[in-house]
Amino acid sequence: MTITIGFADTDRKTSDVLEDVIQSMDGEHITLREILSKMGESGLLLLCGLLSLPFLVPVSIPGVSTVFGAGIVLIGIAITFNRLPWLPSKIADRRLDREKLVPVLKRGVTILRKVDRYIRPRLPFLTTGVLMNRINGLMLTGAGVLLMAPLGFVPFSNTLPGVAILCMSAGISQRDGAMVAASYALIAATILYFSIIVLLAVSAGQSLTGLGG
């Protein structure tokens, strides 16, 4: 099932959107598909930010970057094409207990309100318009791909794209172009860093080959 969601809601704080979702919940159960549909892009970006948190250390847990990176790539593609990401029905339509879910979401609102103090609308040309939405979605997708690179054993190989994803998520959701610009710089730094690693590996291989000859 494919749902189009209104991404114009990004001019609102994610904490306010999440608060509205909590207030709109009725009945004993709700599904993830319904939550994402209510939150729009803010919900996707919040999820992106959460998926990036485990990588904000120099060396990440092996294997996690592949799974979480794939999730971020799917969200990035969804934002690029203005669609909810594809999710297996067993996950998207699984009924969640409202009584247990609401306290968790309220704690999330408390954390988000603290973060909101440091982010504000800046450089609007980097966060507004259909074209920039697609560009930022593509950049987020690219950062997810970089996160999936099998270089978890290399210091900062996951940290750089992880921070870039967090900055991009916060920047788009809060219309903070400065955060988006920081994400661009971090993605460029990641590509440069990976290129240096590859060049050093190739150079070392050639040196070993020469010694063997």
N, C-alpha and C. Protein backbone atom coordinates (compact mmCIF):
# COMPACT_ATOMS: atom_id res chain seq x y z
N MET A 1 0.85 -1.21 0.00
CA MET A 1 0.00 0.00 0.00
C MET A 1 0.88 1.25 0.00
N THR A 2 0.66 2.19 -0.90
CA THR A 2 1.44 3.41 -1.00
C THR A 2 0.59 4.59 -0.60
N ILE A 3 1.12 5.42 0.28
CA ILE A 3 0.38 6.59 0.76
C ILE A 3 1.19 7.84 0.48
N THR A 4 0.56 8.86 -0.07
CA THR A 4 1.21 10.15 -0.25
C THR A 4 0.98 10.97 1.00
N ILE A 5 2.03 11.59 1.52
CA ILE A 5 1.88 12.37 2.73
C ILE A 5 2.28 13.81 2.46
N GLY A 6 1.70 14.71 3.24
CA GLY A 6 1.96 16.13 3.03
C GLY A 6 3.23 16.58 3.71
N PHE A 7 4.27 16.84 2.94
CA PHE A 7 5.54 17.23 3.52
C PHE A 7 5.60 18.73 3.82
N ALA A 8 4.53 19.45 3.56
CA ALA A 8 4.53 20.87 3.90
C ALA A 8 4.47 21.08 5.42
N ASP A 9 4.26 19.98 6.16
CA ASP A 9 4.15 20.12 7.61
C ASP A 9 5.50 20.31 8.29
N THR A 10 6.59 20.38 7.53
CA THR A 10 7.91 20.48 8.13
C THR A 10 8.19 21.84 8.75
N ASP A 11 7.30 22.82 8.56
CA ASP A 11 7.54 24.11 9.19
C ASP A 11 7.12 24.09 10.66
N ARG A 12 6.61 22.97 11.12
CA ARG A 12 6.23 22.82 12.52
C ARG A 12 7.29 22.03 13.26
N LYS A 13 7.43 22.30 14.54
CA LYS A 13 8.39 21.56 15.35
C LYS A 13 7.95 20.11 15.47
N THR A 14 8.92 19.20 15.41
CA THR A 14 8.60 17.77 15.51
C THR A 14 7.91 17.45 16.83
N SER A 15 8.33 18.13 17.89
CA SER A 15 7.71 17.89 19.20
C SER A 15 6.23 18.25 19.18
N ASP A 16 5.87 19.33 18.46
CA ASP A 16 4.46 19.74 18.37
C ASP A 16 3.66 18.71 17.57
N VAL A 17 4.26 18.21 16.48
CA VAL A 17 3.58 17.21 15.65
C VAL A 17 3.35 15.94 16.45
N LEU A 18 4.37 15.52 17.21
CA LEU A 18 4.25 14.31 18.01
C LEU A 18 3.19 14.49 19.09
N GLU A 19 3.14 15.68 19.67
CA GLU A 19 2.13 15.98 20.69
C GLU A 19 0.72 15.87 20.09
N ASP A 20 0.56 16.37 18.86
CA ASP A 20 -0.74 16.28 18.18
C ASP A 20 -1.13 14.84 17.91
N VAL A 21 -0.13 14.02 17.53
CA VAL A 21 -0.40 12.60 17.28
C VAL A 21 -0.91 11.93 18.55
N ILE A 22 -0.28 12.25 19.68
CA ILE A 22 -0.70 11.67 20.96
C ILE A 22 -2.14 12.08 21.28
N GLN A 23 -2.44 13.36 21.05
CA GLN A 23 -3.78 13.86 21.36
C GLN A 23 -4.84 13.26 20.44
N SER A 24 -4.44 12.92 19.21
CA SER A 24 -5.41 12.40 18.24
C SER A 24 -5.66 10.91 18.36
N MET A 25 -4.86 10.24 19.18
CA MET A 25 -5.03 8.79 19.33
C MET A 25 -6.34 8.50 20.05
N ASP A 26 -7.16 7.65 19.43
CA ASP A 26 -8.37 7.21 20.10
C ASP A 26 -8.49 5.70 19.92
N GLY A 27 -9.23 5.08 20.77
CA GLY A 27 -9.32 3.62 20.71
C GLY A 27 -8.18 2.99 21.50
N GLU A 28 -8.18 1.67 21.54
CA GLU A 28 -7.19 0.96 22.34
C GLU A 28 -5.90 0.67 21.58
N HIS A 29 -5.96 0.73 20.24
CA HIS A 29 -4.79 0.36 19.44
C HIS A 29 -4.53 1.36 18.31
N ILE A 30 -3.29 1.38 17.83
CA ILE A 30 -2.90 2.19 16.68
C ILE A 30 -1.79 1.45 15.96
N THR A 31 -1.63 1.68 14.66
CA THR A 31 -0.58 1.00 13.89
C THR A 31 0.54 1.99 13.55
N LEU A 32 1.70 1.45 13.21
CA LEU A 32 2.83 2.28 12.81
C LEU A 32 2.49 3.06 11.54
N ARG A 33 1.75 2.42 10.63
CA ARG A 33 1.35 3.11 9.39
C ARG A 33 0.50 4.34 9.71
N GLU A 34 -0.40 4.22 10.68
CA GLU A 34 -1.25 5.34 11.06
C GLU A 34 -0.44 6.46 11.71
N ILE A 35 0.55 6.09 12.53
CA ILE A 35 1.40 7.08 13.19
C ILE A 35 2.20 7.87 12.16
N LEU A 36 2.83 7.16 11.21
CA LEU A 36 3.63 7.82 10.19
C LEU A 36 2.76 8.69 9.29
N SER A 37 1.56 8.22 9.01
CA SER A 37 0.65 8.98 8.17
C SER A 37 0.25 10.29 8.86
N LYS A 38 0.05 10.23 10.18
CA LYS A 38 -0.32 11.42 10.94
C LYS A 38 0.85 12.39 11.05
N MET A 39 2.07 11.87 11.22
CA MET A 39 3.23 12.72 11.44
C MET A 39 3.85 13.23 10.15
N GLY A 40 3.58 12.56 9.02
CA GLY A 40 4.15 13.00 7.76
C GLY A 40 5.67 12.92 7.77
N GLU A 41 6.30 13.89 7.12
CA GLU A 41 7.76 13.89 7.02
C GLU A 41 8.42 13.98 8.39
N SER A 42 7.80 14.68 9.32
CA SER A 42 8.39 14.83 10.66
C SER A 42 8.61 13.48 11.31
N GLY A 43 7.65 12.56 11.12
CA GLY A 43 7.79 11.22 11.68
C GLY A 43 8.94 10.46 11.06
N LEU A 44 9.09 10.59 9.73
CA LEU A 44 10.18 9.91 9.04
C LEU A 44 11.53 10.47 9.48
N LEU A 45 11.61 11.78 9.61
CA LEU A 45 12.87 12.41 9.99
C LEU A 45 13.22 12.10 11.44
N LEU A 46 12.22 12.03 12.30
CA LEU A 46 12.46 11.65 13.69
C LEU A 46 13.03 10.24 13.75
N LEU A 47 12.45 9.34 12.97
CA LEU A 47 12.94 7.96 12.93
C LEU A 47 14.37 7.92 12.40
N CYS A 48 14.66 8.73 11.38
CA CYS A 48 16.01 8.82 10.83
C CYS A 48 17.01 9.24 11.90
N GLY A 49 16.63 10.27 12.65
CA GLY A 49 17.51 10.76 13.71
C GLY A 49 17.77 9.70 14.75
N LEU A 50 16.73 8.95 15.12
CA LEU A 50 16.89 7.89 16.12
C LEU A 50 17.81 6.78 15.61
N LEU A 51 17.68 6.44 14.33
CA LEU A 51 18.52 5.39 13.75
C LEU A 51 19.99 5.79 13.67
N SER A 52 20.25 7.10 13.65
CA SER A 52 21.64 7.57 13.54
C SER A 52 22.35 7.61 14.90
N LEU A 53 21.60 7.61 15.99
CA LEU A 53 22.19 7.79 17.32
C LEU A 53 23.25 6.75 17.70
N PRO A 54 23.08 5.46 17.36
CA PRO A 54 24.10 4.48 17.76
C PRO A 54 25.46 4.71 17.13
N PHE A 55 25.55 5.56 16.11
CA PHE A 55 26.81 5.73 15.39
C PHE A 55 27.57 7.00 15.78
N LEU A 56 27.11 7.66 16.82
CA LEU A 56 27.77 8.89 17.25
C LEU A 56 28.93 8.62 18.18
N VAL A 57 29.64 7.53 17.94
CA VAL A 57 30.86 7.15 18.66
C VAL A 57 31.87 6.75 17.60
N PRO A 58 33.19 6.81 17.92
CA PRO A 58 34.22 6.52 16.90
C PRO A 58 34.11 5.16 16.22
N VAL A 59 33.74 4.10 16.95
CA VAL A 59 33.62 2.77 16.36
C VAL A 59 32.26 2.20 16.74
N SER A 60 31.48 1.75 15.77
CA SER A 60 30.13 1.25 16.03
C SER A 60 30.11 -0.27 16.14
N ILE A 61 28.96 -0.79 16.56
CA ILE A 61 28.78 -2.22 16.68
C ILE A 61 28.69 -2.85 15.29
N PRO A 62 29.51 -3.87 14.99
CA PRO A 62 29.51 -4.48 13.65
C PRO A 62 28.12 -5.01 13.27
N GLY A 63 27.73 -4.76 12.04
CA GLY A 63 26.46 -5.29 11.51
C GLY A 63 25.29 -4.35 11.67
N VAL A 64 25.32 -3.50 12.70
CA VAL A 64 24.19 -2.61 12.95
C VAL A 64 24.07 -1.57 11.84
N SER A 65 25.22 -1.09 11.33
CA SER A 65 25.18 -0.05 10.32
C SER A 65 24.47 -0.50 9.05
N THR A 66 24.57 -1.78 8.73
CA THR A 66 23.91 -2.30 7.52
C THR A 66 22.40 -2.24 7.66
N VAL A 67 21.90 -2.69 8.80
CA VAL A 67 20.45 -2.72 9.03
C VAL A 67 19.88 -1.31 9.17
N PHE A 68 20.49 -0.50 10.03
CA PHE A 68 19.99 0.85 10.25
C PHE A 68 20.21 1.71 9.01
N GLY A 69 21.35 1.51 8.34
CA GLY A 69 21.62 2.27 7.12
C GLY A 69 20.57 1.99 6.06
N ALA A 70 20.14 0.73 5.93
CA ALA A 70 19.12 0.36 4.96
C ALA A 70 17.80 1.06 5.29
N GLY A 71 17.48 1.16 6.58
CA GLY A 71 16.27 1.86 6.99
C GLY A 71 16.33 3.34 6.62
N ILE A 72 17.49 3.95 6.82
CA ILE A 72 17.67 5.37 6.49
C ILE A 72 17.59 5.58 4.98
N VAL A 73 18.14 4.65 4.21
CA VAL A 73 18.07 4.74 2.74
C VAL A 73 16.61 4.71 2.29
N LEU A 74 15.81 3.81 2.86
CA LEU A 74 14.39 3.72 2.50
C LEU A 74 13.65 5.01 2.84
N ILE A 75 13.97 5.59 4.00
CA ILE A 75 13.33 6.84 4.39
C ILE A 75 13.76 7.97 3.47
N GLY A 76 15.06 8.01 3.12
CA GLY A 76 15.55 9.04 2.21
C GLY A 76 14.86 8.98 0.86
N ILE A 77 14.68 7.77 0.34
CA ILE A 77 13.99 7.58 -0.93
C ILE A 77 12.54 8.03 -0.81
N ALA A 78 11.91 7.70 0.33
CA ALA A 78 10.51 8.09 0.55
C ALA A 78 10.36 9.61 0.56
N ILE A 79 11.30 10.31 1.22
CA ILE A 79 11.25 11.77 1.27
C ILE A 79 11.47 12.36 -0.11
N THR A 80 12.38 11.77 -0.87
CA THR A 80 12.68 12.25 -2.23
C THR A 80 11.43 12.19 -3.11
N PHE A 81 10.67 11.10 -2.98
CA PHE A 81 9.51 10.91 -3.84
C PHE A 81 8.18 11.23 -3.16
N ASN A 82 8.26 11.86 -1.96
CA ASN A 82 7.05 12.31 -1.28
C ASN A 82 6.08 11.17 -0.97
N ARG A 83 6.64 10.06 -0.51
CA ARG A 83 5.83 8.87 -0.19
C ARG A 83 6.23 8.31 1.17
N LEU A 84 5.31 7.62 1.80
CA LEU A 84 5.68 6.82 2.95
C LEU A 84 6.59 5.69 2.48
N PRO A 85 7.60 5.32 3.25
CA PRO A 85 8.49 4.24 2.82
C PRO A 85 7.78 2.91 2.81
N TRP A 86 8.26 1.99 1.95
CA TRP A 86 7.70 0.65 1.93
C TRP A 86 8.05 -0.05 3.22
N LEU A 87 7.07 -0.64 3.85
CA LEU A 87 7.29 -1.41 5.06
C LEU A 87 6.49 -2.71 4.96
N PRO A 88 7.04 -3.82 5.45
CA PRO A 88 6.27 -5.07 5.44
C PRO A 88 4.97 -4.88 6.22
N SER A 89 3.89 -5.45 5.72
CA SER A 89 2.58 -5.29 6.37
C SER A 89 2.59 -5.75 7.82
N LYS A 90 3.37 -6.79 8.11
CA LYS A 90 3.42 -7.29 9.48
C LYS A 90 3.94 -6.24 10.44
N ILE A 91 4.79 -5.34 9.94
CA ILE A 91 5.34 -4.28 10.78
C ILE A 91 4.45 -3.04 10.72
N ALA A 92 4.10 -2.62 9.50
CA ALA A 92 3.34 -1.38 9.33
C ALA A 92 1.94 -1.46 9.92
N ASP A 93 1.31 -2.63 9.84
CA ASP A 93 -0.09 -2.76 10.28
C ASP A 93 -0.25 -3.52 11.59
N ARG A 94 0.84 -3.73 12.26
CA ARG A 94 0.74 -4.41 13.56
C ARG A 94 0.08 -3.47 14.57
N ARG A 95 -0.89 -3.98 15.30
CA ARG A 95 -1.63 -3.15 16.26
C ARG A 95 -0.81 -2.97 17.53
N LEU A 96 -0.64 -1.68 17.92
CA LEU A 96 0.13 -1.34 19.11
C LEU A 96 -0.80 -0.89 20.22
N ASP A 97 -0.49 -1.31 21.43
CA ASP A 97 -1.30 -0.96 22.60
C ASP A 97 -1.13 0.52 22.93
N ARG A 98 -2.19 1.29 22.81
CA ARG A 98 -2.13 2.74 23.05
C ARG A 98 -1.69 3.04 24.47
N GLU A 99 -2.18 2.30 25.44
CA GLU A 99 -1.88 2.58 26.85
C GLU A 99 -0.38 2.47 27.13
N LYS A 100 0.30 1.54 26.44
CA LYS A 100 1.74 1.37 26.65
C LYS A 100 2.56 2.33 25.78
N LEU A 101 2.01 2.69 24.63
CA LEU A 101 2.75 3.51 23.67
C LEU A 101 2.78 4.99 24.06
N VAL A 102 1.68 5.51 24.57
CA VAL A 102 1.58 6.94 24.87
C VAL A 102 2.67 7.43 25.84
N PRO A 103 2.93 6.73 26.97
CA PRO A 103 3.99 7.20 27.88
C PRO A 103 5.36 7.30 27.20
N VAL A 104 5.65 6.36 26.30
CA VAL A 104 6.92 6.39 25.57
C VAL A 104 6.99 7.61 24.67
N LEU A 105 5.91 7.88 23.95
CA LEU A 105 5.86 9.03 23.06
C LEU A 105 5.95 10.34 23.84
N LYS A 106 5.35 10.39 25.01
CA LYS A 106 5.42 11.61 25.83
C LYS A 106 6.85 11.88 26.29
N ARG A 107 7.60 10.81 26.60
CA ARG A 107 9.01 11.00 26.95
C ARG A 107 9.78 11.55 25.76
N GLY A 108 9.39 11.07 24.56
CA GLY A 108 10.02 11.57 23.34
C GLY A 108 9.76 13.06 23.15
N VAL A 109 8.54 13.51 23.46
CA VAL A 109 8.19 14.92 23.35
C VAL A 109 9.07 15.76 24.28
N THR A 110 9.29 15.26 25.50
CA THR A 110 10.12 15.98 26.48
C THR A 110 11.54 16.16 25.96
N ILE A 111 12.11 15.11 25.38
CA ILE A 111 13.48 15.18 24.84
C ILE A 111 13.53 16.13 23.65
N LEU A 112 12.55 16.04 22.76
CA LEU A 112 12.53 16.88 21.56
C LEU A 112 12.41 18.36 21.91
N ARG A 113 11.65 18.67 22.94
CA ARG A 113 11.49 20.08 23.32
C ARG A 113 12.83 20.66 23.80
N LYS A 114 13.66 19.85 24.41
CA LYS A 114 14.99 20.32 24.85
C LYS A 114 15.88 20.58 23.64
N VAL A 115 15.79 19.70 22.64
CA VAL A 115 16.59 19.85 21.43
C VAL A 115 16.13 21.07 20.63
N ASP A 116 14.82 21.33 20.64
CA ASP A 116 14.25 22.44 19.88
C ASP A 116 14.86 23.79 20.26
N ARG A 117 15.39 23.89 21.47
CA ARG A 117 15.95 25.17 21.92
C ARG A 117 17.16 25.60 21.09
N TYR A 118 17.86 24.64 20.53
CA TYR A 118 19.11 24.94 19.84
C TYR A 118 18.96 24.97 18.31
N ILE A 119 17.78 24.68 17.82
CA ILE A 119 17.55 24.66 16.37
C ILE A 119 16.48 25.70 16.02
N ARG A 120 16.74 26.46 14.98
CA ARG A 120 15.78 27.49 14.60
C ARG A 120 15.80 27.67 13.08
N PRO A 121 14.75 28.23 12.50
CA PRO A 121 14.71 28.45 11.05
C PRO A 121 15.84 29.39 10.59
N ARG A 122 16.68 28.89 9.67
CA ARG A 122 17.78 29.69 9.11
C ARG A 122 18.00 29.24 7.67
N LEU A 123 18.56 30.12 6.85
CA LEU A 123 18.90 29.80 5.47
C LEU A 123 17.76 29.03 4.80
N PRO A 124 16.59 29.62 4.67
CA PRO A 124 15.41 28.91 4.17
C PRO A 124 15.56 28.32 2.77
N PHE A 125 16.46 28.87 1.95
CA PHE A 125 16.60 28.36 0.59
C PHE A 125 17.13 26.92 0.56
N LEU A 126 17.67 26.44 1.68
CA LEU A 126 18.17 25.07 1.75
C LEU A 126 17.14 24.07 2.26
N THR A 127 15.97 24.57 2.66
CA THR A 127 14.98 23.67 3.25
C THR A 127 13.57 23.81 2.68
N THR A 128 13.36 24.75 1.76
CA THR A 128 12.01 24.96 1.24
C THR A 128 11.94 24.67 -0.26
N GLY A 129 10.76 24.25 -0.70
CA GLY A 129 10.54 23.99 -2.11
C GLY A 129 10.68 22.51 -2.46
N VAL A 130 9.97 22.12 -3.51
CA VAL A 130 9.97 20.72 -3.95
C VAL A 130 11.37 20.29 -4.37
N LEU A 131 12.09 21.14 -5.09
CA LEU A 131 13.42 20.78 -5.57
C LEU A 131 14.37 20.50 -4.42
N MET A 132 14.41 21.40 -3.43
CA MET A 132 15.30 21.19 -2.29
C MET A 132 14.89 19.98 -1.48
N ASN A 133 13.59 19.71 -1.43
CA ASN A 133 13.13 18.52 -0.71
C ASN A 133 13.69 17.26 -1.36
N ARG A 134 13.70 17.24 -2.69
CA ARG A 134 14.23 16.08 -3.42
C ARG A 134 15.75 15.99 -3.26
N ILE A 135 16.42 17.13 -3.33
CA ILE A 135 17.88 17.14 -3.17
C ILE A 135 18.27 16.65 -1.78
N ASN A 136 17.59 17.17 -0.76
CA ASN A 136 17.89 16.76 0.61
C ASN A 136 17.55 15.29 0.84
N GLY A 137 16.47 14.83 0.20
CA GLY A 137 16.14 13.41 0.29
C GLY A 137 17.22 12.54 -0.32
N LEU A 138 17.74 12.97 -1.46
CA LEU A 138 18.82 12.23 -2.12
C LEU A 138 20.10 12.24 -1.27
N MET A 139 20.40 13.40 -0.67
CA MET A 139 21.57 13.49 0.20
C MET A 139 21.44 12.58 1.41
N LEU A 140 20.23 12.52 1.97
CA LEU A 140 19.97 11.64 3.11
C LEU A 140 20.14 10.18 2.70
N THR A 141 19.65 9.85 1.49
CA THR A 141 19.82 8.50 0.96
C THR A 141 21.30 8.17 0.80
N GLY A 142 22.05 9.12 0.25
CA GLY A 142 23.49 8.91 0.06
C GLY A 142 24.21 8.71 1.38
N ALA A 143 23.83 9.47 2.40
CA ALA A 143 24.45 9.32 3.71
C ALA A 143 24.15 7.94 4.30
N GLY A 144 22.93 7.45 4.04
CA GLY A 144 22.58 6.10 4.49
C GLY A 144 23.43 5.04 3.81
N VAL A 145 23.69 5.23 2.52
CA VAL A 145 24.55 4.29 1.77
C VAL A 145 25.96 4.32 2.35
N LEU A 146 26.48 5.51 2.63
CA LEU A 146 27.82 5.64 3.22
C LEU A 146 27.87 4.95 4.59
N LEU A 147 26.79 5.06 5.33
CA LEU A 147 26.73 4.42 6.65
C LEU A 147 26.82 2.90 6.53
N MET A 148 26.31 2.36 5.42
CA MET A 148 26.29 0.91 5.21
C MET A 148 27.64 0.36 4.75
N ALA A 149 28.59 1.24 4.41
CA ALA A 149 29.90 0.78 3.94
C ALA A 149 30.54 -0.13 4.98
N PRO A 150 31.11 -1.27 4.56
CA PRO A 150 31.69 -2.25 5.50
C PRO A 150 33.02 -1.79 6.08
N LEU A 151 32.99 -0.65 6.75
CA LEU A 151 34.23 -0.09 7.31
C LEU A 151 34.06 0.22 8.79
N GLY A 152 33.17 -0.52 9.46
CA GLY A 152 32.89 -0.27 10.86
C GLY A 152 34.11 -0.35 11.76
N PHE A 153 35.13 -1.10 11.32
CA PHE A 153 36.34 -1.26 12.13
C PHE A 153 37.26 -0.03 12.03
N VAL A 154 36.99 0.85 11.06
CA VAL A 154 37.79 2.05 10.87
C VAL A 154 37.20 3.18 11.71
N PRO A 155 37.99 3.82 12.58
CA PRO A 155 37.48 4.91 13.42
C PRO A 155 36.80 6.00 12.59
N PHE A 156 35.65 6.44 13.06
CA PHE A 156 34.87 7.54 12.48
C PHE A 156 34.21 7.22 11.14
N SER A 157 34.36 6.00 10.64
CA SER A 157 33.74 5.66 9.35
C SER A 157 32.21 5.65 9.44
N ASN A 158 31.68 5.34 10.61
CA ASN A 158 30.23 5.39 10.83
C ASN A 158 29.81 6.71 11.48
N THR A 159 30.74 7.30 12.23
CA THR A 159 30.41 8.52 12.97
C THR A 159 30.11 9.69 12.03
N LEU A 160 30.96 9.89 11.01
CA LEU A 160 30.78 11.01 10.09
C LEU A 160 29.42 10.97 9.38
N PRO A 161 29.05 9.86 8.71
CA PRO A 161 27.72 9.83 8.09
C PRO A 161 26.60 9.84 9.12
N GLY A 162 26.85 9.27 10.32
CA GLY A 162 25.83 9.27 11.37
C GLY A 162 25.47 10.68 11.81
N VAL A 163 26.49 11.51 12.03
CA VAL A 163 26.25 12.90 12.42
C VAL A 163 25.61 13.66 11.27
N ALA A 164 26.03 13.35 10.03
CA ALA A 164 25.44 14.00 8.85
C ALA A 164 23.94 13.71 8.77
N ILE A 165 23.56 12.48 9.03
CA ILE A 165 22.15 12.08 9.00
C ILE A 165 21.36 12.80 10.09
N LEU A 166 21.94 12.89 11.28
CA LEU A 166 21.28 13.57 12.39
C LEU A 166 21.08 15.05 12.06
N CYS A 167 22.12 15.69 11.50
CA CYS A 167 22.01 17.11 11.13
C CYS A 167 20.97 17.32 10.03
N MET A 168 20.97 16.43 9.03
CA MET A 168 20.01 16.56 7.93
C MET A 168 18.59 16.38 8.44
N SER A 169 18.37 15.39 9.29
CA SER A 169 17.03 15.13 9.82
C SER A 169 16.52 16.33 10.61
N ALA A 170 17.38 16.85 11.49
CA ALA A 170 16.98 18.00 12.30
C ALA A 170 16.80 19.24 11.42
N GLY A 171 17.68 19.41 10.45
CA GLY A 171 17.63 20.59 9.58
C GLY A 171 16.37 20.66 8.75
N ILE A 172 15.99 19.52 8.14
CA ILE A 172 14.78 19.52 7.31
C ILE A 172 13.53 19.72 8.17
N SER A 173 13.47 18.98 9.27
CA SER A 173 12.25 19.01 10.09
C SER A 173 12.03 20.37 10.73
N GLN A 174 13.11 21.09 11.05
CA GLN A 174 12.98 22.38 11.73
C GLN A 174 13.29 23.57 10.82
N ARG A 175 13.42 23.33 9.51
CA ARG A 175 13.72 24.39 8.55
C ARG A 175 15.02 25.12 8.89
N ASP A 176 15.99 24.38 9.40
CA ASP A 176 17.27 24.97 9.78
C ASP A 176 18.29 24.69 8.68
N GLY A 177 18.46 25.65 7.77
CA GLY A 177 19.37 25.47 6.66
C GLY A 177 20.82 25.34 7.09
N ALA A 178 21.17 25.92 8.24
CA ALA A 178 22.54 25.80 8.74
C ALA A 178 22.86 24.35 9.07
N MET A 179 21.90 23.64 9.63
CA MET A 179 22.10 22.22 9.94
C MET A 179 22.20 21.39 8.66
N VAL A 180 21.39 21.76 7.65
CA VAL A 180 21.45 21.07 6.36
C VAL A 180 22.81 21.29 5.71
N ALA A 181 23.31 22.54 5.76
CA ALA A 181 24.63 22.86 5.20
C ALA A 181 25.72 22.07 5.92
N ALA A 182 25.60 21.94 7.23
CA ALA A 182 26.57 21.14 8.00
C ALA A 182 26.54 19.69 7.56
N SER A 183 25.34 19.20 7.25
CA SER A 183 25.20 17.82 6.78
C SER A 183 25.90 17.64 5.43
N TYR A 184 25.72 18.60 4.52
CA TYR A 184 26.41 18.54 3.23
C TYR A 184 27.92 18.44 3.44
N ALA A 185 28.46 19.29 4.33
CA ALA A 185 29.89 19.31 4.59
C ALA A 185 30.37 17.96 5.16
N LEU A 186 29.57 17.38 6.06
CA LEU A 186 29.94 16.10 6.66
C LEU A 186 29.89 14.96 5.65
N ILE A 187 28.92 15.01 4.74
CA ILE A 187 28.84 13.98 3.69
C ILE A 187 30.06 14.09 2.77
N ALA A 188 30.44 15.32 2.41
CA ALA A 188 31.63 15.53 1.58
C ALA A 188 32.88 15.03 2.31
N ALA A 189 32.96 15.32 3.62
CA ALA A 189 34.11 14.87 4.42
C ALA A 189 34.16 13.35 4.48
N THR A 190 33.00 12.72 4.57
CA THR A 190 32.94 11.25 4.60
C THR A 190 33.45 10.66 3.30
N ILE A 191 33.01 11.21 2.18
CA ILE A 191 33.45 10.72 0.87
C ILE A 191 34.96 10.88 0.74
N LEU A 192 35.49 12.04 1.17
CA LEU A 192 36.94 12.28 1.12
C LEU A 192 37.68 11.30 2.01
N TYR A 193 37.16 11.08 3.21
CA TYR A 193 37.78 10.15 4.17
C TYR A 193 37.82 8.73 3.61
N PHE A 194 36.71 8.28 3.05
CA PHE A 194 36.65 6.94 2.46
C PHE A 194 37.61 6.82 1.27
N SER A 195 37.70 7.88 0.48
CA SER A 195 38.59 7.87 -0.68
C SER A 195 40.04 7.72 -0.23
N ILE A 196 40.42 8.42 0.83
CA ILE A 196 41.78 8.33 1.36
C ILE A 196 42.06 6.91 1.85
N ILE A 197 41.07 6.32 2.55
CA ILE A 197 41.23 4.95 3.05
C ILE A 197 41.45 3.97 1.90
N VAL A 198 40.64 4.12 0.84
CA VAL A 198 40.77 3.24 -0.32
C VAL A 198 42.13 3.42 -0.99
N LEU A 199 42.56 4.67 -1.15
CA LEU A 199 43.85 4.94 -1.78
C LEU A 199 45.00 4.37 -0.96
N LEU A 200 44.93 4.50 0.36
CA LEU A 200 45.97 3.94 1.23
C LEU A 200 45.99 2.42 1.15
N ALA A 201 44.78 1.81 1.08
CA ALA A 201 44.70 0.35 0.98
C ALA A 201 45.29 -0.13 -0.33
N VAL A 202 44.98 0.57 -1.43
CA VAL A 202 45.52 0.20 -2.74
C VAL A 202 47.03 0.37 -2.76
N SER A 203 47.51 1.49 -2.19
CA SER A 203 48.95 1.75 -2.13
C SER A 203 49.67 0.69 -1.33
N ALA A 204 49.08 0.29 -0.19
CA ALA A 204 49.69 -0.75 0.64
C ALA A 204 49.72 -2.08 -0.10
N GLY A 205 48.64 -2.37 -0.83
CA GLY A 205 48.60 -3.61 -1.61
C GLY A 205 49.66 -3.65 -2.69
N GLN A 206 49.83 -2.51 -3.37
CA GLN A 206 50.86 -2.44 -4.41
C GLN A 206 52.26 -2.58 -3.82
N SER A 207 52.48 -2.01 -2.62
CA SER A 207 53.78 -2.12 -1.97
C SER A 207 54.09 -3.57 -1.61
N LEU A 208 53.06 -4.26 -1.08
CA LEU A 208 53.25 -5.66 -0.73
C LEU A 208 53.53 -6.52 -1.96
N THR A 209 52.83 -6.19 -3.06
CA THR A 209 53.04 -6.91 -4.31
C THR A 209 54.47 -6.70 -4.81
N GLY A 210 54.95 -5.46 -4.69
CA GLY A 210 56.30 -5.15 -5.13
C GLY A 210 57.34 -5.87 -4.29
N LEU A 211 57.09 -5.96 -3.00
CA LEU A 211 58.03 -6.68 -2.13
C LEU A 211 58.03 -8.17 -2.44
N GLY A 212 56.85 -8.68 -2.78
CA GLY A 212 56.75 -10.10 -3.09
C GLY A 212 57.46 -10.43 -4.38
N GLY A 213 57.46 -9.46 -5.32
CA GLY A 213 58.11 -9.68 -6.62
C GLY A 213 59.61 -9.64 -6.48
